[in-house]
Amino acid sequence: AKTVTPLMGDITEGVLLNDEEADIVLMANILHGLVVAEGAEPALREANRILKPHGLLVVVDFKKISGPPGPRYSIRLSLKEAEAIVSPHGFETKEHFEVGPYHYAIVFRRKAADPKRF
């Protein structure tokens, strides 16, 4: 039986999972903040490390539209900007879709063989 084990921590500093242990990593409403704090690269490197080959990284973030809710417009990422940030870290876009009026989701698949993984 499959189980869901939520973990809370700072993905930029590493999480307590072994290499290739996770089936799915969910990043909800944080990619824009990681970019601002210059933490996107270590976070995506860690997501790649803990995901199984062909594991899924699901990024949910605020649409690049002005007004509440969410962060100020200047730090929001468009769907294309988010893809451009994530893809070079060993991920390919599987699908994307709207999540209500204020969010989008992008499902990335970890590429099986990436010599620069860690």
C-alpha atoms as a PDB file:
ATOM      1  CA  ALA A   1       0.000   0.000   0.000  1.00  0.00           C
ATOM      2  CA  LYS A   2       1.252   3.461  -0.870  1.00  0.00           C
ATOM      3  CA  THR A   3       1.381   6.048   1.845  1.00  0.00           C
ATOM      4  CA  VAL A   4       1.817   9.783   1.989  1.00  0.00           C
ATOM      5  CA  THR A   5       4.403  11.024   4.437  1.00  0.00           C
ATOM      6  CA  PRO A   6       4.429  14.808   4.647  1.00  0.00           C
ATOM      7  CA  LEU A   7       7.765  16.287   5.656  1.00  0.00           C
ATOM      8  CA  MET A   8       8.346  19.839   6.712  1.00  0.00           C
ATOM      9  CA  GLY A   9      11.720  21.458   6.389  1.00  0.00           C
ATOM     10  CA  ASP A  10      13.938  23.756   4.395  1.00  0.00           C
ATOM     11  CA  ILE A  11      14.556  22.093   1.048  1.00  0.00           C
ATOM     12  CA  THR A  12      17.433  24.489   0.355  1.00  0.00           C
ATOM     13  CA  GLU A  13      19.308  22.913   3.286  1.00  0.00           C
ATOM     14  CA  GLY A  14      18.446  19.302   2.452  1.00  0.00           C
ATOM     15  CA  VAL A  15      15.732  17.004   3.699  1.00  0.00           C
ATOM     16  CA  LEU A  16      15.973  13.770   5.637  1.00  0.00           C
ATOM     17  CA  LEU A  17      15.381  11.427   2.713  1.00  0.00           C
ATOM     18  CA  ASN A  18      17.747   9.073   0.953  1.00  0.00           C
ATOM     19  CA  ASP A  19      18.709   9.503  -2.690  1.00  0.00           C
ATOM     20  CA  GLU A  20      15.892   8.491  -5.052  1.00  0.00           C
ATOM     21  CA  GLU A  21      13.437   7.767  -2.225  1.00  0.00           C
ATOM     22  CA  ALA A  22      10.472  10.029  -3.089  1.00  0.00           C
ATOM     23  CA  ASP A  23       7.840   9.412  -5.735  1.00  0.00           C
ATOM     24  CA  ILE A  24       6.530  12.992  -5.658  1.00  0.00           C
ATOM     25  CA  VAL A  25       7.793  16.341  -4.396  1.00  0.00           C
ATOM     26  CA  LEU A  26       5.237  19.138  -4.019  1.00  0.00           C
ATOM     27  CA  MET A  27       6.324  22.772  -3.965  1.00  0.00           C
ATOM     28  CA  ALA A  28       3.258  24.899  -3.303  1.00  0.00           C
ATOM     29  CA  ASN A  29       3.459  28.702  -3.378  1.00  0.00           C
ATOM     30  CA  ILE A  30       7.229  28.790  -2.831  1.00  0.00           C
ATOM     31  CA  LEU A  31       9.063  28.840  -6.175  1.00  0.00           C
ATOM     32  CA  HIS A  32       8.716  32.621  -6.547  1.00  0.00           C
ATOM     33  CA  GLY A  33      10.104  33.104  -3.021  1.00  0.00           C
ATOM     34  CA  LEU A  34      12.983  30.718  -3.658  1.00  0.00           C
ATOM     35  CA  VAL A  35      13.916  32.721  -6.755  1.00  0.00           C
ATOM     36  CA  VAL A  36      13.884  35.998  -4.792  1.00  0.00           C
ATOM     37  CA  ALA A  37      15.975  34.456  -1.983  1.00  0.00           C
ATOM     38  CA  GLU A  38      18.360  32.839  -4.495  1.00  0.00           C
ATOM     39  CA  GLY A  39      17.364  29.427  -3.165  1.00  0.00           C
ATOM     40  CA  ALA A  40      15.824  27.915  -6.288  1.00  0.00           C
ATOM     41  CA  GLU A  41      19.009  26.166  -7.421  1.00  0.00           C
ATOM     42  CA  PRO A  42      19.714  24.290  -4.154  1.00  0.00           C
ATOM     43  CA  ALA A  43      16.018  23.458  -3.738  1.00  0.00           C
ATOM     44  CA  LEU A  44      15.712  22.020  -7.237  1.00  0.00           C
ATOM     45  CA  ARG A  45      18.988  20.140  -6.855  1.00  0.00           C
ATOM     46  CA  GLU A  46      17.630  18.581  -3.640  1.00  0.00           C
ATOM     47  CA  ALA A  47      14.299  17.719  -5.279  1.00  0.00           C
ATOM     48  CA  ASN A  48      16.214  15.993  -8.066  1.00  0.00           C
ATOM     49  CA  ARG A  49      18.336  14.092  -5.532  1.00  0.00           C
ATOM     50  CA  ILE A  50      15.444  12.676  -3.519  1.00  0.00           C
ATOM     51  CA  LEU A  51      13.144  11.851  -6.441  1.00  0.00           C
ATOM     52  CA  LYS A  52      13.129   8.377  -7.933  1.00  0.00           C
ATOM     53  CA  PRO A  53      13.916   8.142 -11.660  1.00  0.00           C
ATOM     54  CA  HIS A  54      10.863   9.508 -13.460  1.00  0.00           C
ATOM     55  CA  GLY A  55       9.526  10.831 -10.124  1.00  0.00           C
ATOM     56  CA  LEU A  56       7.280  13.870 -10.223  1.00  0.00           C
ATOM     57  CA  LEU A  57       7.924  17.413  -9.074  1.00  0.00           C
ATOM     58  CA  VAL A  58       4.658  19.334  -8.796  1.00  0.00           C
ATOM     59  CA  VAL A  59       5.014  23.113  -8.664  1.00  0.00           C
ATOM     60  CA  VAL A  60       1.958  25.150  -7.712  1.00  0.00           C
ATOM     61  CA  ASP A  61       2.378  28.901  -7.713  1.00  0.00           C
ATOM     62  CA  PHE A  62       0.513  32.157  -8.149  1.00  0.00           C
ATOM     63  CA  LYS A  63      -0.369  33.219 -11.680  1.00  0.00           C
ATOM     64  CA  LYS A  64       1.413  36.326 -12.917  1.00  0.00           C
ATOM     65  CA  ILE A  65      -1.608  38.572 -12.438  1.00  0.00           C
ATOM     66  CA  SER A  66      -1.875  41.670 -10.282  1.00  0.00           C
ATOM     67  CA  GLY A  67      -3.926  41.962  -7.140  1.00  0.00           C
ATOM     68  CA  PRO A  68      -4.508  39.823  -4.085  1.00  0.00           C
ATOM     69  CA  PRO A  69      -4.158  37.117  -3.033  1.00  0.00           C
ATOM     70  CA  GLY A  70      -0.470  36.385  -3.213  1.00  0.00           C
ATOM     71  CA  PRO A  71       2.835  38.173  -3.494  1.00  0.00           C
ATOM     72  CA  ARG A  72       3.414  41.422  -5.325  1.00  0.00           C
ATOM     73  CA  TYR A  73       3.279  41.213  -9.104  1.00  0.00           C
ATOM     74  CA  SER A  74       6.996  41.901  -9.602  1.00  0.00           C
ATOM     75  CA  ILE A  75       8.060  38.594  -8.016  1.00  0.00           C
ATOM     76  CA  ARG A  76       5.363  36.353  -9.456  1.00  0.00           C
ATOM     77  CA  LEU A  77       6.460  33.888 -12.110  1.00  0.00           C
ATOM     78  CA  SER A  78       4.609  33.150 -15.295  1.00  0.00           C
ATOM     79  CA  LEU A  79       4.140  29.516 -16.190  1.00  0.00           C
ATOM     80  CA  LYS A  80       6.857  29.855 -18.852  1.00  0.00           C
ATOM     81  CA  GLU A  81       9.261  31.521 -16.400  1.00  0.00           C
ATOM     82  CA  ALA A  82       8.708  28.709 -13.885  1.00  0.00           C
ATOM     83  CA  GLU A  83       9.376  26.089 -16.571  1.00  0.00           C
ATOM     84  CA  ALA A  84      12.570  27.897 -17.594  1.00  0.00           C
ATOM     85  CA  ILE A  85      13.791  27.901 -13.980  1.00  0.00           C
ATOM     86  CA  VAL A  86      12.994  24.249 -13.225  1.00  0.00           C
ATOM     87  CA  SER A  87      13.813  22.478 -16.505  1.00  0.00           C
ATOM     88  CA  PRO A  88      17.625  22.962 -16.470  1.00  0.00           C
ATOM     89  CA  HIS A  89      17.788  21.038 -13.181  1.00  0.00           C
ATOM     90  CA  GLY A  90      17.015  17.664 -14.736  1.00  0.00           C
ATOM     91  CA  PHE A  91      13.255  17.979 -15.184  1.00  0.00           C
ATOM     92  CA  GLU A  92      10.939  17.888 -18.178  1.00  0.00           C
ATOM     93  CA  THR A  93       7.407  19.256 -18.269  1.00  0.00           C
ATOM     94  CA  LYS A  94       4.770  16.552 -18.283  1.00  0.00           C
ATOM     95  CA  GLU A  95       1.676  18.764 -18.045  1.00  0.00           C
ATOM     96  CA  HIS A  96       0.350  22.029 -16.664  1.00  0.00           C
ATOM     97  CA  PHE A  97      -3.087  23.224 -15.683  1.00  0.00           C
ATOM     98  CA  GLU A  98      -4.948  25.943 -13.807  1.00  0.00           C
ATOM     99  CA  VAL A  99      -5.666  25.480 -10.112  1.00  0.00           C
ATOM    100  CA  GLY A 100      -8.509  27.888  -9.531  1.00  0.00           C
ATOM    101  CA  PRO A 101      -8.472  31.558 -10.465  1.00  0.00           C
ATOM    102  CA  TYR A 102      -5.141  32.478  -8.845  1.00  0.00           C
ATOM    103  CA  HIS A 103      -2.791  29.510  -9.316  1.00  0.00           C
ATOM    104  CA  TYR A 104      -1.275  27.220 -11.915  1.00  0.00           C
ATOM    105  CA  ALA A 105       0.319  23.819 -11.482  1.00  0.00           C
ATOM    106  CA  ILE A 106       3.147  22.328 -13.494  1.00  0.00           C
ATOM    107  CA  VAL A 107       3.935  18.631 -13.262  1.00  0.00           C
ATOM    108  CA  PHE A 108       7.572  17.916 -14.061  1.00  0.00           C
ATOM    109  CA  ARG A 109       9.119  14.476 -14.464  1.00  0.00           C
ATOM    110  CA  ARG A 110      12.664  13.860 -13.303  1.00  0.00           C
ATOM    111  CA  LYS A 111      14.800  12.691 -16.180  1.00  0.00           C
ATOM    112  CA  ALA A 112      16.124   9.201 -15.495  1.00  0.00           C
ATOM    113  CA  ALA A 113      19.786   9.791 -16.233  1.00  0.00           C
ATOM    114  CA  ASP A 114      21.348  13.126 -15.481  1.00  0.00           C
ATOM    115  CA  PRO A 115      25.105  13.009 -14.842  1.00  0.00           C
ATOM    116  CA  LYS A 116      24.956  16.392 -13.041  1.00  0.00           C
ATOM    117  CA  ARG A 117      22.258  15.297 -10.565  1.00  0.00           C
ATOM    118  CA  PHE A 118      24.120  15.965  -7.337  1.00  0.00           C
END
